[in-house]
Amino acid sequence: MNKVTLVACACAATFLAGCAGTMATSSNSSSGAMASSSSNTKMVGGAPMFPNRDIVDNAVNSKDHTTLVAAVKAAGLVDTLKGAGPFTVFAPTNAAFTALPAGTVDTLLKPENKATLTQVLTYHVVPGRLDGAALAQQIRAGNGSARLATASGGTLVATMSGNNVIVTDSKGNRSTVTISDVYQSNGVIHVVDKVLLPS
């Protein structure tokens, strides 16, 4: 094998090694991005809540929030919760609605009670994106409690019980955040186990 052939082989080997390194780096980078995106996707009601979708588009897929979704539709709040926001939503489960006095949900869903339903639902919405870390920071800054101004004009009080965030409504009813930091493209959802009621 002459010198020209050896040089050509060496160059080819160097080129291929460089390509392999670039491809490996690109692959690792892509895998890392996918892992990061996947780590922000939580399961709620048996469905993945994708952080690149809005609150409504995710909520409709949760089998634990069919009552909430029906209420949002009845109140005409779909377009609002699909808006840019950002919104922090404390989302009661179906079980939370079932725990209300008999007939409450059916009454709220009647067209003539749309204003009341809207007030109840917007009482669960806080303007801004308050994830668990932000809530904990506000609670610490408030010496153990944080007052949250809701979209309805009411106030919720957030406190800590061990590692759990407790949200108390104006009637003194306490709701526990059971799934936190469900990130959305237009905010964040915290699943709660009780319906919060304004005064």
N, C-alpha and C. Protein backbone atom coordinates (compact mmCIF):
# COMPACT_ATOMS: atom_id res chain seq x y z
N MET A 1 0.87 -1.20 0.00
CA MET A 1 0.00 0.00 0.00
C MET A 1 0.89 1.23 0.00
N ASN A 2 0.69 2.16 -0.97
CA ASN A 2 1.55 3.33 -1.05
C ASN A 2 1.10 4.42 -0.08
N LYS A 3 1.90 5.48 0.00
CA LYS A 3 1.65 6.56 0.97
C LYS A 3 0.32 7.26 0.70
N VAL A 4 -0.01 7.45 -0.59
CA VAL A 4 -1.25 8.15 -0.94
C VAL A 4 -2.45 7.38 -0.41
N THR A 5 -2.40 6.05 -0.58
CA THR A 5 -3.51 5.21 -0.12
C THR A 5 -3.63 5.27 1.40
N LEU A 6 -2.48 5.22 2.10
CA LEU A 6 -2.49 5.28 3.57
C LEU A 6 -3.08 6.60 4.07
N VAL A 7 -2.69 7.69 3.43
CA VAL A 7 -3.19 9.01 3.83
C VAL A 7 -4.70 9.07 3.61
N ALA A 8 -5.15 8.57 2.47
CA ALA A 8 -6.58 8.59 2.16
C ALA A 8 -7.36 7.78 3.18
N CYS A 9 -6.84 6.62 3.57
CA CYS A 9 -7.52 5.77 4.55
C CYS A 9 -7.60 6.47 5.90
N ALA A 10 -6.48 7.12 6.27
CA ALA A 10 -6.43 7.81 7.55
C ALA A 10 -7.45 8.94 7.58
N CYS A 11 -7.55 9.69 6.49
CA CYS A 11 -8.51 10.80 6.41
C CYS A 11 -9.94 10.29 6.51
N ALA A 12 -10.19 9.19 5.80
CA ALA A 12 -11.54 8.62 5.83
C ALA A 12 -11.91 8.16 7.23
N ALA A 13 -10.95 7.54 7.91
CA ALA A 13 -11.20 7.05 9.27
C ALA A 13 -11.49 8.21 10.21
N THR A 14 -10.68 9.28 10.06
CA THR A 14 -10.88 10.47 10.91
C THR A 14 -12.26 11.09 10.66
N PHE A 15 -12.65 11.17 9.39
CA PHE A 15 -13.94 11.74 9.02
C PHE A 15 -15.08 10.93 9.61
N LEU A 16 -15.01 9.61 9.48
CA LEU A 16 -16.08 8.74 9.98
C LEU A 16 -16.17 8.80 11.50
N ALA A 17 -15.03 8.88 12.16
CA ALA A 17 -15.03 8.98 13.63
C ALA A 17 -15.70 10.28 14.07
N GLY A 18 -15.38 11.36 13.33
CA GLY A 18 -15.99 12.66 13.65
C GLY A 18 -17.49 12.62 13.46
N CYS A 19 -17.94 11.99 12.38
CA CYS A 19 -19.37 11.88 12.12
C CYS A 19 -20.06 11.08 13.21
N ALA A 20 -19.41 9.99 13.61
CA ALA A 20 -20.01 9.14 14.66
C ALA A 20 -20.15 9.91 15.96
N GLY A 21 -19.11 10.71 16.28
CA GLY A 21 -19.16 11.50 17.51
C GLY A 21 -20.27 12.52 17.47
N THR A 22 -20.42 13.17 16.30
CA THR A 22 -21.48 14.18 16.14
C THR A 22 -22.84 13.55 16.26
N MET A 23 -22.99 12.36 15.62
CA MET A 23 -24.28 11.68 15.67
C MET A 23 -24.60 11.25 17.09
N ALA A 24 -23.60 10.79 17.83
CA ALA A 24 -23.82 10.35 19.21
C ALA A 24 -24.22 11.52 20.08
N THR A 25 -23.53 12.66 19.89
CA THR A 25 -23.85 13.86 20.67
C THR A 25 -25.26 14.32 20.37
N SER A 26 -25.63 14.31 19.07
CA SER A 26 -26.97 14.73 18.67
C SER A 26 -28.01 13.81 19.25
N SER A 27 -27.72 12.49 19.21
CA SER A 27 -28.65 11.51 19.74
C SER A 27 -28.85 11.70 21.23
N ASN A 28 -27.72 11.91 21.96
CA ASN A 28 -27.82 12.10 23.40
C ASN A 28 -28.59 13.36 23.73
N SER A 29 -28.36 14.41 22.92
CA SER A 29 -29.06 15.67 23.16
C SER A 29 -30.55 15.50 22.96
N SER A 30 -30.92 14.78 21.88
CA SER A 30 -32.34 14.55 21.60
C SER A 30 -32.97 13.71 22.68
N SER A 31 -32.25 12.67 23.14
CA SER A 31 -32.76 11.81 24.19
C SER A 31 -32.98 12.60 25.46
N GLY A 32 -32.04 13.51 25.75
CA GLY A 32 -32.15 14.33 26.94
C GLY A 32 -33.36 15.23 26.88
N ALA A 33 -33.60 15.83 25.70
CA ALA A 33 -34.76 16.71 25.54
C ALA A 33 -36.05 15.94 25.70
N MET A 34 -36.08 14.71 25.11
CA MET A 34 -37.27 13.89 25.22
C MET A 34 -37.52 13.48 26.66
N ALA A 35 -36.44 13.15 27.36
CA ALA A 35 -36.58 12.73 28.76
C ALA A 35 -37.08 13.88 29.60
N SER A 36 -36.54 15.10 29.31
CA SER A 36 -36.98 16.28 30.07
C SER A 36 -38.45 16.55 29.85
N SER A 37 -38.91 16.46 28.58
CA SER A 37 -40.31 16.69 28.26
C SER A 37 -41.18 15.64 28.92
N SER A 38 -40.73 14.37 28.86
CA SER A 38 -41.48 13.28 29.44
C SER A 38 -41.60 13.42 30.95
N SER A 39 -40.55 13.94 31.59
CA SER A 39 -40.56 14.06 33.05
C SER A 39 -41.57 15.10 33.52
N ASN A 40 -41.99 16.02 32.63
CA ASN A 40 -42.98 17.04 32.98
C ASN A 40 -44.40 16.59 32.68
N THR A 41 -44.56 15.41 32.12
CA THR A 41 -45.89 14.89 31.78
C THR A 41 -46.38 13.98 32.89
N LYS A 42 -47.44 14.41 33.59
CA LYS A 42 -47.99 13.61 34.68
C LYS A 42 -49.25 12.90 34.23
N MET A 43 -49.57 11.81 34.92
CA MET A 43 -50.79 11.07 34.65
C MET A 43 -51.88 11.55 35.60
N VAL A 44 -53.02 11.90 35.06
CA VAL A 44 -54.18 12.31 35.87
C VAL A 44 -55.41 11.63 35.30
N GLY A 45 -56.14 10.93 36.13
CA GLY A 45 -57.34 10.26 35.65
C GLY A 45 -57.07 9.26 34.56
N GLY A 46 -55.90 8.60 34.62
CA GLY A 46 -55.56 7.58 33.64
C GLY A 46 -55.06 8.11 32.31
N ALA A 47 -54.83 9.42 32.22
CA ALA A 47 -54.38 10.00 30.95
C ALA A 47 -53.17 10.90 31.17
N PRO A 48 -52.27 10.94 30.19
CA PRO A 48 -51.12 11.84 30.32
C PRO A 48 -51.56 13.29 30.12
N MET A 49 -51.03 14.16 30.96
CA MET A 49 -51.32 15.60 30.85
C MET A 49 -50.11 16.27 30.21
N PHE A 50 -50.20 16.53 28.92
CA PHE A 50 -49.06 17.04 28.17
C PHE A 50 -48.85 18.54 28.42
N PRO A 51 -47.64 18.93 28.81
CA PRO A 51 -47.39 20.34 29.12
C PRO A 51 -47.47 21.29 27.93
N ASN A 52 -47.54 20.74 26.72
CA ASN A 52 -47.67 21.60 25.54
C ASN A 52 -49.13 21.76 25.10
N ARG A 53 -50.05 21.24 25.91
CA ARG A 53 -51.48 21.42 25.65
C ARG A 53 -52.09 22.34 26.70
N ASP A 54 -53.23 22.96 26.36
CA ASP A 54 -53.83 23.87 27.32
C ASP A 54 -54.67 23.12 28.36
N ILE A 55 -55.18 23.86 29.33
CA ILE A 55 -55.89 23.27 30.46
C ILE A 55 -57.09 22.44 30.02
N VAL A 56 -57.87 22.97 29.09
CA VAL A 56 -59.07 22.27 28.65
C VAL A 56 -58.72 21.02 27.85
N ASP A 57 -57.78 21.14 26.93
CA ASP A 57 -57.41 20.00 26.09
C ASP A 57 -56.85 18.84 26.91
N ASN A 58 -56.23 19.13 28.04
CA ASN A 58 -55.76 18.06 28.92
C ASN A 58 -56.89 17.53 29.80
N ALA A 59 -57.66 18.43 30.39
CA ALA A 59 -58.70 18.02 31.36
C ALA A 59 -59.75 17.09 30.76
N VAL A 60 -60.08 17.31 29.48
CA VAL A 60 -61.12 16.48 28.86
C VAL A 60 -60.70 15.01 28.79
N ASN A 61 -59.43 14.72 28.93
CA ASN A 61 -58.95 13.33 28.84
C ASN A 61 -58.87 12.63 30.19
N SER A 62 -59.08 13.37 31.29
CA SER A 62 -59.01 12.77 32.61
C SER A 62 -60.36 12.18 33.00
N LYS A 63 -60.38 10.87 33.26
CA LYS A 63 -61.64 10.25 33.65
C LYS A 63 -62.05 10.64 35.07
N ASP A 64 -61.15 11.28 35.81
CA ASP A 64 -61.47 11.74 37.16
C ASP A 64 -62.05 13.15 37.19
N HIS A 65 -62.15 13.79 36.01
CA HIS A 65 -62.59 15.18 35.98
C HIS A 65 -63.72 15.42 34.98
N THR A 66 -64.54 14.40 34.74
CA THR A 66 -65.64 14.55 33.79
C THR A 66 -66.69 15.54 34.30
N THR A 67 -66.93 15.54 35.62
CA THR A 67 -67.90 16.49 36.17
C THR A 67 -67.39 17.92 36.05
N LEU A 68 -66.12 18.12 36.34
CA LEU A 68 -65.52 19.45 36.22
C LEU A 68 -65.60 19.94 34.78
N VAL A 69 -65.27 19.08 33.83
CA VAL A 69 -65.31 19.47 32.42
C VAL A 69 -66.74 19.82 32.00
N ALA A 70 -67.70 19.02 32.45
CA ALA A 70 -69.10 19.31 32.13
C ALA A 70 -69.52 20.66 32.70
N ALA A 71 -69.06 20.96 33.92
CA ALA A 71 -69.39 22.22 34.56
C ALA A 71 -68.75 23.40 33.82
N VAL A 72 -67.50 23.23 33.40
CA VAL A 72 -66.80 24.29 32.65
C VAL A 72 -67.54 24.58 31.35
N LYS A 73 -68.02 23.55 30.68
CA LYS A 73 -68.77 23.73 29.44
C LYS A 73 -70.10 24.43 29.71
N ALA A 74 -70.80 24.01 30.78
CA ALA A 74 -72.09 24.59 31.11
C ALA A 74 -71.97 26.07 31.47
N ALA A 75 -70.83 26.42 32.08
CA ALA A 75 -70.61 27.81 32.50
C ALA A 75 -70.08 28.69 31.36
N GLY A 76 -69.76 28.06 30.23
CA GLY A 76 -69.23 28.82 29.10
C GLY A 76 -67.81 29.31 29.32
N LEU A 77 -67.02 28.53 30.07
CA LEU A 77 -65.65 28.94 30.41
C LEU A 77 -64.58 28.25 29.58
N VAL A 78 -65.00 27.48 28.59
CA VAL A 78 -64.02 26.74 27.78
C VAL A 78 -63.04 27.69 27.11
N ASP A 79 -63.55 28.70 26.42
CA ASP A 79 -62.66 29.62 25.71
C ASP A 79 -61.73 30.36 26.67
N THR A 80 -62.25 30.70 27.84
CA THR A 80 -61.41 31.39 28.84
C THR A 80 -60.24 30.52 29.26
N LEU A 81 -60.53 29.25 29.57
CA LEU A 81 -59.47 28.36 30.06
C LEU A 81 -58.59 27.80 28.95
N LYS A 82 -58.96 28.11 27.70
CA LYS A 82 -58.09 27.79 26.58
C LYS A 82 -57.26 29.02 26.20
N GLY A 83 -57.50 30.13 26.89
CA GLY A 83 -56.79 31.37 26.60
C GLY A 83 -55.35 31.34 27.07
N ALA A 84 -54.65 32.44 26.84
CA ALA A 84 -53.21 32.50 27.12
C ALA A 84 -52.89 32.38 28.61
N GLY A 85 -53.80 32.90 29.46
CA GLY A 85 -53.53 32.83 30.89
C GLY A 85 -52.33 33.68 31.28
N PRO A 86 -51.44 33.18 32.14
CA PRO A 86 -51.50 31.83 32.72
C PRO A 86 -52.49 31.74 33.88
N PHE A 87 -52.96 30.50 34.13
CA PHE A 87 -53.90 30.24 35.21
C PHE A 87 -53.36 29.14 36.12
N THR A 88 -53.66 29.27 37.39
CA THR A 88 -53.46 28.16 38.33
C THR A 88 -54.85 27.64 38.68
N VAL A 89 -55.08 26.36 38.40
CA VAL A 89 -56.41 25.78 38.62
C VAL A 89 -56.33 24.70 39.69
N PHE A 90 -57.17 24.84 40.71
CA PHE A 90 -57.34 23.78 41.71
C PHE A 90 -58.53 22.96 41.23
N ALA A 91 -58.24 21.77 40.72
CA ALA A 91 -59.23 20.97 39.99
C ALA A 91 -59.83 19.86 40.84
N PRO A 92 -61.09 20.02 41.26
CA PRO A 92 -61.74 18.97 42.05
C PRO A 92 -62.04 17.74 41.21
N THR A 93 -61.91 16.59 41.81
CA THR A 93 -62.20 15.33 41.12
C THR A 93 -63.71 15.06 41.12
N ASN A 94 -64.11 14.04 40.37
CA ASN A 94 -65.51 13.63 40.38
C ASN A 94 -65.95 13.28 41.80
N ALA A 95 -65.08 12.60 42.54
CA ALA A 95 -65.41 12.21 43.92
C ALA A 95 -65.65 13.44 44.79
N ALA A 96 -64.90 14.52 44.52
CA ALA A 96 -65.09 15.75 45.28
C ALA A 96 -66.48 16.33 45.04
N PHE A 97 -66.94 16.29 43.78
CA PHE A 97 -68.28 16.79 43.47
C PHE A 97 -69.36 15.89 44.07
N THR A 98 -69.10 14.58 44.04
CA THR A 98 -70.05 13.62 44.60
C THR A 98 -70.24 13.83 46.10
N ALA A 99 -69.19 14.32 46.77
CA ALA A 99 -69.25 14.53 48.22
C ALA A 99 -70.10 15.74 48.61
N LEU A 100 -70.48 16.58 47.64
CA LEU A 100 -71.35 17.71 47.93
C LEU A 100 -72.75 17.19 48.30
N PRO A 101 -73.53 18.00 49.00
CA PRO A 101 -74.90 17.57 49.33
C PRO A 101 -75.66 17.11 48.10
N ALA A 102 -76.50 16.12 48.27
CA ALA A 102 -77.25 15.55 47.15
C ALA A 102 -77.99 16.63 46.36
N GLY A 103 -77.88 16.56 45.05
CA GLY A 103 -78.59 17.48 44.18
C GLY A 103 -77.84 18.76 43.88
N THR A 104 -76.72 19.01 44.57
CA THR A 104 -75.99 20.27 44.37
C THR A 104 -75.48 20.42 42.94
N VAL A 105 -74.84 19.37 42.43
CA VAL A 105 -74.26 19.46 41.08
C VAL A 105 -75.34 19.63 40.04
N ASP A 106 -76.41 18.84 40.15
CA ASP A 106 -77.50 18.95 39.18
C ASP A 106 -78.10 20.35 39.18
N THR A 107 -78.23 20.92 40.36
CA THR A 107 -78.79 22.27 40.48
C THR A 107 -77.86 23.30 39.83
N LEU A 108 -76.55 23.17 40.10
CA LEU A 108 -75.59 24.12 39.54
C LEU A 108 -75.53 24.06 38.02
N LEU A 109 -75.77 22.88 37.46
CA LEU A 109 -75.66 22.71 36.01
C LEU A 109 -76.88 23.20 35.25
N LYS A 110 -77.93 23.61 35.97
CA LYS A 110 -79.12 24.12 35.29
C LYS A 110 -78.80 25.49 34.68
N PRO A 111 -79.33 25.76 33.48
CA PRO A 111 -79.04 27.03 32.80
C PRO A 111 -79.34 28.27 33.63
N GLU A 112 -80.39 28.22 34.44
CA GLU A 112 -80.74 29.40 35.23
C GLU A 112 -79.75 29.67 36.36
N ASN A 113 -78.86 28.70 36.63
CA ASN A 113 -77.87 28.87 37.70
C ASN A 113 -76.45 29.07 37.15
N LYS A 114 -76.38 29.48 35.89
CA LYS A 114 -75.07 29.63 35.24
C LYS A 114 -74.18 30.63 35.97
N ALA A 115 -74.74 31.73 36.47
CA ALA A 115 -73.93 32.74 37.17
C ALA A 115 -73.32 32.18 38.43
N THR A 116 -74.11 31.39 39.17
CA THR A 116 -73.60 30.77 40.40
C THR A 116 -72.53 29.75 40.09
N LEU A 117 -72.77 28.94 39.06
CA LEU A 117 -71.80 27.94 38.64
C LEU A 117 -70.48 28.60 38.24
N THR A 118 -70.60 29.68 37.48
CA THR A 118 -69.40 30.42 37.06
C THR A 118 -68.62 30.93 38.26
N GLN A 119 -69.32 31.44 39.26
CA GLN A 119 -68.65 31.94 40.46
C GLN A 119 -67.92 30.82 41.19
N VAL A 120 -68.56 29.65 41.29
CA VAL A 120 -67.93 28.51 41.97
C VAL A 120 -66.68 28.07 41.21
N LEU A 121 -66.78 27.95 39.91
CA LEU A 121 -65.66 27.47 39.11
C LEU A 121 -64.49 28.46 39.11
N THR A 122 -64.79 29.74 38.93
CA THR A 122 -63.71 30.74 38.89
C THR A 122 -63.08 30.94 40.27
N TYR A 123 -63.77 30.48 41.32
CA TYR A 123 -63.19 30.50 42.66
C TYR A 123 -62.04 29.50 42.77
N HIS A 124 -61.99 28.55 41.85
CA HIS A 124 -60.92 27.54 41.81
C HIS A 124 -59.75 27.99 40.94
N VAL A 125 -59.84 29.19 40.37
CA VAL A 125 -58.81 29.67 39.45
C VAL A 125 -58.10 30.88 40.05
N VAL A 126 -56.78 30.80 40.09
CA VAL A 126 -55.95 31.92 40.55
C VAL A 126 -55.13 32.42 39.36
N PRO A 127 -55.24 33.69 39.02
CA PRO A 127 -54.44 34.22 37.91
C PRO A 127 -52.94 34.04 38.19
N GLY A 128 -52.19 33.66 37.15
CA GLY A 128 -50.76 33.43 37.30
C GLY A 128 -50.44 31.95 37.35
N ARG A 129 -49.17 31.64 37.28
CA ARG A 129 -48.72 30.24 37.30
C ARG A 129 -48.05 29.97 38.65
N LEU A 130 -48.80 29.38 39.58
CA LEU A 130 -48.28 29.06 40.91
C LEU A 130 -48.08 27.56 41.04
N ASP A 131 -46.86 27.11 40.81
CA ASP A 131 -46.59 25.68 41.01
C ASP A 131 -46.34 25.42 42.49
N GLY A 132 -46.03 24.17 42.84
CA GLY A 132 -45.85 23.81 44.24
C GLY A 132 -44.76 24.61 44.92
N ALA A 133 -43.66 24.86 44.21
CA ALA A 133 -42.56 25.62 44.79
C ALA A 133 -42.97 27.05 45.09
N ALA A 134 -43.72 27.66 44.16
CA ALA A 134 -44.17 29.04 44.35
C ALA A 134 -45.17 29.13 45.49
N LEU A 135 -46.06 28.14 45.59
CA LEU A 135 -47.02 28.11 46.70
C LEU A 135 -46.30 27.98 48.04
N ALA A 136 -45.33 27.06 48.09
CA ALA A 136 -44.58 26.86 49.34
C ALA A 136 -43.83 28.12 49.74
N GLN A 137 -43.29 28.82 48.74
CA GLN A 137 -42.57 30.07 49.02
C GLN A 137 -43.51 31.12 49.60
N GLN A 138 -44.71 31.24 49.02
CA GLN A 138 -45.68 32.20 49.52
C GLN A 138 -46.15 31.84 50.94
N ILE A 139 -46.30 30.55 51.18
CA ILE A 139 -46.73 30.10 52.51
C ILE A 139 -45.66 30.43 53.55
N ARG A 140 -44.40 30.20 53.20
CA ARG A 140 -43.30 30.55 54.12
C ARG A 140 -43.24 32.06 54.35
N ALA A 141 -43.40 32.81 53.27
CA ALA A 141 -43.34 34.27 53.38
C ALA A 141 -44.48 34.82 54.22
N GLY A 142 -45.60 34.09 54.25
CA GLY A 142 -46.77 34.51 55.02
C GLY A 142 -46.80 33.90 56.41
N ASN A 143 -45.63 33.42 56.87
CA ASN A 143 -45.54 32.80 58.21
C ASN A 143 -46.51 31.64 58.39
N GLY A 144 -46.62 30.83 57.36
CA GLY A 144 -47.42 29.61 57.49
C GLY A 144 -48.69 29.59 56.66
N SER A 145 -49.04 30.70 56.02
CA SER A 145 -50.24 30.70 55.18
C SER A 145 -50.09 31.72 54.06
N ALA A 146 -50.75 31.45 52.95
CA ALA A 146 -50.73 32.36 51.81
C ALA A 146 -52.16 32.63 51.38
N ARG A 147 -52.50 33.89 51.21
CA ARG A 147 -53.83 34.27 50.74
C ARG A 147 -53.78 34.42 49.22
N LEU A 148 -54.63 33.67 48.54
CA LEU A 148 -54.63 33.63 47.07
C LEU A 148 -55.89 34.30 46.54
N ALA A 149 -55.71 35.35 45.76
CA ALA A 149 -56.84 36.05 45.16
C ALA A 149 -57.31 35.27 43.93
N THR A 150 -58.57 34.88 43.92
CA THR A 150 -59.09 34.06 42.82
C THR A 150 -59.71 34.92 41.72
N ALA A 151 -59.97 34.28 40.59
CA ALA A 151 -60.56 34.97 39.45
C ALA A 151 -61.99 35.41 39.73
N SER A 152 -62.63 34.82 40.74
CA SER A 152 -64.01 35.19 41.07
C SER A 152 -64.06 36.42 41.96
N GLY A 153 -62.89 36.84 42.46
CA GLY A 153 -62.85 37.96 43.39
C GLY A 153 -62.79 37.53 44.84
N GLY A 154 -62.80 36.22 45.06
CA GLY A 154 -62.72 35.69 46.42
C GLY A 154 -61.29 35.41 46.83
N THR A 155 -61.15 34.75 47.97
CA THR A 155 -59.82 34.44 48.50
C THR A 155 -59.75 32.99 48.97
N LEU A 156 -58.67 32.33 48.66
CA LEU A 156 -58.36 31.01 49.18
C LEU A 156 -57.14 31.15 50.08
N VAL A 157 -57.04 30.27 51.07
CA VAL A 157 -55.88 30.29 51.96
C VAL A 157 -55.13 28.97 51.82
N ALA A 158 -53.86 29.05 51.49
CA ALA A 158 -53.02 27.86 51.33
C ALA A 158 -52.10 27.71 52.53
N THR A 159 -52.02 26.50 53.06
CA THR A 159 -51.13 26.19 54.18
C THR A 159 -50.47 24.85 53.90
N MET A 160 -49.55 24.48 54.77
CA MET A 160 -48.88 23.18 54.64
C MET A 160 -49.28 22.28 55.80
N SER A 161 -49.46 21.00 55.51
CA SER A 161 -49.65 19.98 56.54
C SER A 161 -48.68 18.86 56.20
N GLY A 162 -47.53 18.87 56.87
CA GLY A 162 -46.46 17.97 56.46
C GLY A 162 -45.97 18.39 55.09
N ASN A 163 -46.00 17.46 54.14
CA ASN A 163 -45.59 17.78 52.77
C ASN A 163 -46.77 18.15 51.87
N ASN A 164 -47.98 18.15 52.44
CA ASN A 164 -49.17 18.42 51.63
C ASN A 164 -49.57 19.89 51.68
N VAL A 165 -50.03 20.38 50.53
CA VAL A 165 -50.60 21.73 50.48
C VAL A 165 -52.09 21.60 50.76
N ILE A 166 -52.58 22.40 51.71
CA ILE A 166 -54.00 22.42 52.07
C ILE A 166 -54.58 23.75 51.59
N VAL A 167 -55.70 23.69 50.91
CA VAL A 167 -56.36 24.90 50.43
C VAL A 167 -57.70 25.01 51.16
N THR A 168 -57.90 26.13 51.82
CA THR A 168 -59.12 26.35 52.62
C THR A 168 -59.96 27.43 51.96
N ASP A 169 -61.27 27.15 51.83
CA ASP A 169 -62.16 28.12 51.19
C ASP A 169 -62.75 29.08 52.22
N SER A 170 -63.60 29.97 51.76
CA SER A 170 -64.15 31.02 52.63
C SER A 170 -65.10 30.47 53.68
N LYS A 171 -65.56 29.24 53.50
CA LYS A 171 -66.45 28.60 54.47
C LYS A 171 -65.70 27.75 55.49
N GLY A 172 -64.36 27.71 55.33
CA GLY A 172 -63.55 26.93 56.25
C GLY A 172 -63.35 25.48 55.82
N ASN A 173 -63.86 25.10 54.65
CA ASN A 173 -63.66 23.74 54.14
C ASN A 173 -62.23 23.57 53.65
N ARG A 174 -61.59 22.46 54.05
CA ARG A 174 -60.20 22.22 53.72
C ARG A 174 -60.09 21.16 52.61
N SER A 175 -59.29 21.49 51.61
CA SER A 175 -59.07 20.58 50.49
C SER A 175 -57.58 20.30 50.38
N THR A 176 -57.25 19.05 50.13
CA THR A 176 -55.85 18.66 50.00
C THR A 176 -55.45 18.53 48.54
N VAL A 177 -54.28 19.06 48.21
CA VAL A 177 -53.74 18.88 46.86
C VAL A 177 -53.20 17.45 46.77
N THR A 178 -53.82 16.64 45.93
CA THR A 178 -53.43 15.23 45.82
C THR A 178 -52.43 14.99 44.68
N ILE A 179 -52.50 15.81 43.64
CA ILE A 179 -51.52 15.77 42.55
C ILE A 179 -51.15 17.23 42.25
N SER A 180 -49.88 17.55 42.41
CA SER A 180 -49.46 18.94 42.18
C SER A 180 -48.65 19.06 40.90
N ASP A 181 -48.50 20.31 40.48
CA ASP A 181 -47.59 20.64 39.37
C ASP A 181 -47.90 19.88 38.09
N VAL A 182 -49.16 19.89 37.71
CA VAL A 182 -49.54 19.32 36.41
C VAL A 182 -49.47 20.48 35.42
N TYR A 183 -48.32 20.61 34.78
CA TYR A 183 -48.05 21.78 33.95
C TYR A 183 -48.83 21.75 32.64
N GLN A 184 -49.31 22.94 32.25
CA GLN A 184 -50.07 23.13 31.02
C GLN A 184 -49.38 24.23 30.20
N SER A 185 -49.75 24.35 28.95
CA SER A 185 -49.16 25.41 28.13
C SER A 185 -49.60 26.78 28.61
N ASN A 186 -50.75 26.85 29.29
CA ASN A 186 -51.27 28.13 29.77
C ASN A 186 -51.46 28.17 31.29
N GLY A 187 -50.65 27.40 31.99
CA GLY A 187 -50.73 27.45 33.45
C GLY A 187 -50.33 26.14 34.12
N VAL A 188 -50.95 25.90 35.27
CA VAL A 188 -50.66 24.68 36.03
C VAL A 188 -51.91 24.25 36.76
N ILE A 189 -52.11 22.94 36.85
CA ILE A 189 -53.25 22.37 37.57
C ILE A 189 -52.75 21.68 38.83
N HIS A 190 -53.49 21.86 39.92
CA HIS A 190 -53.29 21.08 41.14
C HIS A 190 -54.61 20.35 41.40
N VAL A 191 -54.57 19.03 41.41
CA VAL A 191 -55.78 18.24 41.67
C VAL A 191 -56.10 18.31 43.16
N VAL A 192 -57.37 18.59 43.50
CA VAL A 192 -57.78 18.68 44.91
C VAL A 192 -58.93 17.71 45.18
N ASP A 193 -59.07 17.33 46.46
CA ASP A 193 -60.05 16.30 46.83
C ASP A 193 -61.37 16.84 47.37
N LYS A 194 -61.53 18.18 47.34
CA LYS A 194 -62.80 18.78 47.79
C LYS A 194 -63.14 19.95 46.86
N VAL A 195 -64.43 20.21 46.71
CA VAL A 195 -64.87 21.38 45.96
C VAL A 195 -64.76 22.60 46.88
N LEU A 196 -64.17 23.66 46.38
CA LEU A 196 -63.99 24.89 47.15
C LEU A 196 -65.19 25.81 46.89
N LEU A 197 -65.77 26.33 47.96
CA LEU A 197 -66.98 27.11 47.83
C LEU A 197 -66.79 28.55 48.30
N PRO A 198 -67.17 29.51 47.46
CA PRO A 198 -67.05 30.92 47.86
C PRO A 198 -68.13 31.27 48.88
N SER A 199 -67.96 32.38 49.55
CA SER A 199 -68.96 32.80 50.55
C SER A 199 -70.22 33.32 49.86
